[in-house]
């Protein structure tokens, strides 16, 4: 079955950087788009960034210029490099893919806290 395992979360100071990783299994990774979502306390889950199977990327306006999504198909891993972090980036970050026929698949999430 599809499994997505995130890692790399933790505490960062404002202006700092973190890199999240999501390792996938159970499907042909190279054929599918991958996304990062986040959910802050008391807020709805929101899309942060997407990378297609061909490497095209899209970002939420709030992270454009600060975050970079990338993928390594050989390692079946998608990354989210986060820089110039702000307190409002504090959230649980989730890896996501939509794979036929199972549909939406989510990891368990990794907590990112940005605080001085």
C-alpha atoms as a PDB file:
ATOM      1  CA  UNK A   1       0.000   0.000   0.000  1.00  0.00           C
ATOM      2  CA  UNK A   2       0.983   3.623  -0.382  1.00  0.00           C
ATOM      3  CA  UNK A   3       3.113   4.933   2.463  1.00  0.00           C
ATOM      4  CA  UNK A   4       4.475   8.428   2.944  1.00  0.00           C
ATOM      5  CA  UNK A   5       6.881   9.137   5.793  1.00  0.00           C
ATOM      6  CA  UNK A   6       7.881  12.699   6.598  1.00  0.00           C
ATOM      7  CA  UNK A   7      10.944  13.786   8.548  1.00  0.00           C
ATOM      8  CA  UNK A   8      12.996  16.890   9.201  1.00  0.00           C
ATOM      9  CA  UNK A   9      10.644  18.993  11.276  1.00  0.00           C
ATOM     10  CA  UNK A  10      11.699  20.740  14.441  1.00  0.00           C
ATOM     11  CA  UNK A  11      12.346  24.125  15.987  1.00  0.00           C
ATOM     12  CA  UNK A  12      13.772  26.981  13.944  1.00  0.00           C
ATOM     13  CA  UNK A  13      14.345  30.640  14.718  1.00  0.00           C
ATOM     14  CA  UNK A  14      12.739  33.330  12.575  1.00  0.00           C
ATOM     15  CA  UNK A  15      14.884  33.768   9.487  1.00  0.00           C
ATOM     16  CA  UNK A  16      16.233  30.252   9.803  1.00  0.00           C
ATOM     17  CA  UNK A  17      15.973  27.223   7.556  1.00  0.00           C
ATOM     18  CA  UNK A  18      14.767  23.646   7.670  1.00  0.00           C
ATOM     19  CA  UNK A  19      14.566  20.865   5.097  1.00  0.00           C
ATOM     20  CA  UNK A  20      11.693  18.421   5.177  1.00  0.00           C
ATOM     21  CA  UNK A  21      11.841  15.017   3.516  1.00  0.00           C
ATOM     22  CA  UNK A  22       9.091  12.616   2.515  1.00  0.00           C
ATOM     23  CA  UNK A  23      10.020   9.074   1.551  1.00  0.00           C
ATOM     24  CA  UNK A  24       7.428   7.169  -0.452  1.00  0.00           C
ATOM     25  CA  UNK A  25       6.702   3.514  -1.069  1.00  0.00           C
ATOM     26  CA  UNK A  26       3.963   1.326  -2.505  1.00  0.00           C
ATOM     27  CA  UNK A  27       3.574   3.053  -5.864  1.00  0.00           C
ATOM     28  CA  UNK A  28       5.616   4.123  -8.876  1.00  0.00           C
ATOM     29  CA  UNK A  29       6.912   7.358  -7.413  1.00  0.00           C
ATOM     30  CA  UNK A  30       8.265   8.835 -10.635  1.00  0.00           C
ATOM     31  CA  UNK A  31       4.841   8.829 -12.288  1.00  0.00           C
ATOM     32  CA  UNK A  32       2.990  10.998  -9.795  1.00  0.00           C
ATOM     33  CA  UNK A  33       2.890  14.564  -8.602  1.00  0.00           C
ATOM     34  CA  UNK A  34       3.807  15.148  -4.982  1.00  0.00           C
ATOM     35  CA  UNK A  35       2.707  17.951  -2.692  1.00  0.00           C
ATOM     36  CA  UNK A  36       3.348  19.443   0.707  1.00  0.00           C
ATOM     37  CA  UNK A  37       0.435  20.744   2.760  1.00  0.00           C
ATOM     38  CA  UNK A  38       0.452  22.324   6.194  1.00  0.00           C
ATOM     39  CA  UNK A  39      -2.028  22.817   8.988  1.00  0.00           C
ATOM     40  CA  UNK A  40      -1.535  25.437  11.649  1.00  0.00           C
ATOM     41  CA  UNK A  41      -3.344  25.223  14.998  1.00  0.00           C
ATOM     42  CA  UNK A  42      -6.993  26.149  14.576  1.00  0.00           C
ATOM     43  CA  UNK A  43      -6.703  26.525  10.816  1.00  0.00           C
ATOM     44  CA  UNK A  44      -7.587  24.468   7.774  1.00  0.00           C
ATOM     45  CA  UNK A  45      -5.008  22.410   5.949  1.00  0.00           C
ATOM     46  CA  UNK A  46      -3.532  24.383   3.062  1.00  0.00           C
ATOM     47  CA  UNK A  47      -1.466  23.551   0.008  1.00  0.00           C
ATOM     48  CA  UNK A  48       2.126  24.757   0.258  1.00  0.00           C
ATOM     49  CA  UNK A  49       3.852  23.409  -2.856  1.00  0.00           C
ATOM     50  CA  UNK A  50       3.465  20.848  -5.623  1.00  0.00           C
ATOM     51  CA  UNK A  51       5.917  19.206  -7.990  1.00  0.00           C
ATOM     52  CA  UNK A  52       4.644  17.291 -11.003  1.00  0.00           C
ATOM     53  CA  UNK A  53       6.109  14.045 -12.265  1.00  0.00           C
ATOM     54  CA  UNK A  54       7.969  16.137 -14.844  1.00  0.00           C
ATOM     55  CA  UNK A  55       9.381  18.528 -12.259  1.00  0.00           C
ATOM     56  CA  UNK A  56       7.107  21.520 -12.728  1.00  0.00           C
ATOM     57  CA  UNK A  57       6.618  23.332  -9.442  1.00  0.00           C
ATOM     58  CA  UNK A  58       3.917  25.552  -7.965  1.00  0.00           C
ATOM     59  CA  UNK A  59       3.828  27.392  -4.673  1.00  0.00           C
ATOM     60  CA  UNK A  60       1.388  29.135  -2.402  1.00  0.00           C
ATOM     61  CA  UNK A  61       1.830  32.895  -2.527  1.00  0.00           C
ATOM     62  CA  UNK A  62       2.788  32.916   1.151  1.00  0.00           C
ATOM     63  CA  UNK A  63       5.908  30.799   0.564  1.00  0.00           C
ATOM     64  CA  UNK A  64       6.973  31.815  -2.939  1.00  0.00           C
ATOM     65  CA  UNK A  65      10.611  32.853  -2.945  1.00  0.00           C
ATOM     66  CA  UNK A  66      11.267  31.242   0.437  1.00  0.00           C
ATOM     67  CA  UNK A  67      10.428  27.547  -0.029  1.00  0.00           C
ATOM     68  CA  UNK A  68      11.657  25.138  -2.700  1.00  0.00           C
ATOM     69  CA  UNK A  69      10.133  21.763  -3.492  1.00  0.00           C
ATOM     70  CA  UNK A  70      12.219  19.124  -5.228  1.00  0.00           C
ATOM     71  CA  UNK A  71      12.226  15.394  -5.819  1.00  0.00           C
ATOM     72  CA  UNK A  72      14.665  12.537  -6.201  1.00  0.00           C
ATOM     73  CA  UNK A  73      12.967   9.772  -8.135  1.00  0.00           C
ATOM     74  CA  UNK A  74      15.795   7.318  -7.524  1.00  0.00           C
ATOM     75  CA  UNK A  75      15.376   7.779  -3.771  1.00  0.00           C
ATOM     76  CA  UNK A  76      11.567   8.051  -3.986  1.00  0.00           C
ATOM     77  CA  UNK A  77      11.809  11.177  -1.884  1.00  0.00           C
ATOM     78  CA  UNK A  78      10.336  14.650  -2.111  1.00  0.00           C
ATOM     79  CA  UNK A  79      11.901  17.558  -0.254  1.00  0.00           C
ATOM     80  CA  UNK A  80      10.771  20.933   0.977  1.00  0.00           C
ATOM     81  CA  UNK A  81      13.602  23.372   1.592  1.00  0.00           C
ATOM     82  CA  UNK A  82      12.295  26.157   3.794  1.00  0.00           C
ATOM     83  CA  UNK A  83      14.249  29.372   4.236  1.00  0.00           C
ATOM     84  CA  UNK A  84      13.585  32.785   5.771  1.00  0.00           C
ATOM     85  CA  UNK A  85      11.160  31.080   8.103  1.00  0.00           C
ATOM     86  CA  UNK A  86       8.495  33.148   9.848  1.00  0.00           C
ATOM     87  CA  UNK A  87       6.463  32.402  12.980  1.00  0.00           C
ATOM     88  CA  UNK A  88       3.402  32.052  10.744  1.00  0.00           C
ATOM     89  CA  UNK A  89       5.079  29.064   9.064  1.00  0.00           C
ATOM     90  CA  UNK A  90       4.538  27.115  12.287  1.00  0.00           C
ATOM     91  CA  UNK A  91       2.380  24.118  11.415  1.00  0.00           C
ATOM     92  CA  UNK A  92       2.290  20.390  10.933  1.00  0.00           C
ATOM     93  CA  UNK A  93       3.551  19.683   7.421  1.00  0.00           C
ATOM     94  CA  UNK A  94       2.074  16.787   5.478  1.00  0.00           C
ATOM     95  CA  UNK A  95       3.260  14.987   2.377  1.00  0.00           C
ATOM     96  CA  UNK A  96       0.528  14.140  -0.146  1.00  0.00           C
ATOM     97  CA  UNK A  97      -0.008  12.303  -3.390  1.00  0.00           C
ATOM     98  CA  UNK A  98      -3.059  11.211  -5.335  1.00  0.00           C
ATOM     99  CA  UNK A  99      -2.545   7.738  -6.750  1.00  0.00           C
ATOM    100  CA  UNK A 100      -5.027   5.814  -8.849  1.00  0.00           C
ATOM    101  CA  UNK A 101      -7.024   3.912  -7.668  1.00  0.00           C
ATOM    102  CA  UNK A 102      -6.510   4.648  -3.974  1.00  0.00           C
ATOM    103  CA  UNK A 103      -6.982   8.415  -4.305  1.00  0.00           C
ATOM    104  CA  UNK A 104      -5.549  10.818  -1.748  1.00  0.00           C
ATOM    105  CA  UNK A 105      -2.707   9.565   0.411  1.00  0.00           C
ATOM    106  CA  UNK A 106      -1.187  11.424   3.353  1.00  0.00           C
ATOM    107  CA  UNK A 107       1.769  11.011   5.639  1.00  0.00           C
ATOM    108  CA  UNK A 108       1.439  11.405   9.398  1.00  0.00           C
ATOM    109  CA  UNK A 109       2.987  14.855   9.321  1.00  0.00           C
ATOM    110  CA  UNK A 110       6.018  16.532  10.846  1.00  0.00           C
ATOM    111  CA  UNK A 111       5.823  19.533  13.179  1.00  0.00           C
ATOM    112  CA  UNK A 112       7.644  22.728  12.297  1.00  0.00           C
ATOM    113  CA  UNK A 113       7.843  25.392  14.989  1.00  0.00           C
ATOM    114  CA  UNK A 114       9.291  28.812  14.220  1.00  0.00           C
ATOM    115  CA  UNK A 115       9.960  30.771  17.362  1.00  0.00           C
ATOM    116  CA  UNK A 116      12.599  32.934  18.953  1.00  0.00           C
END
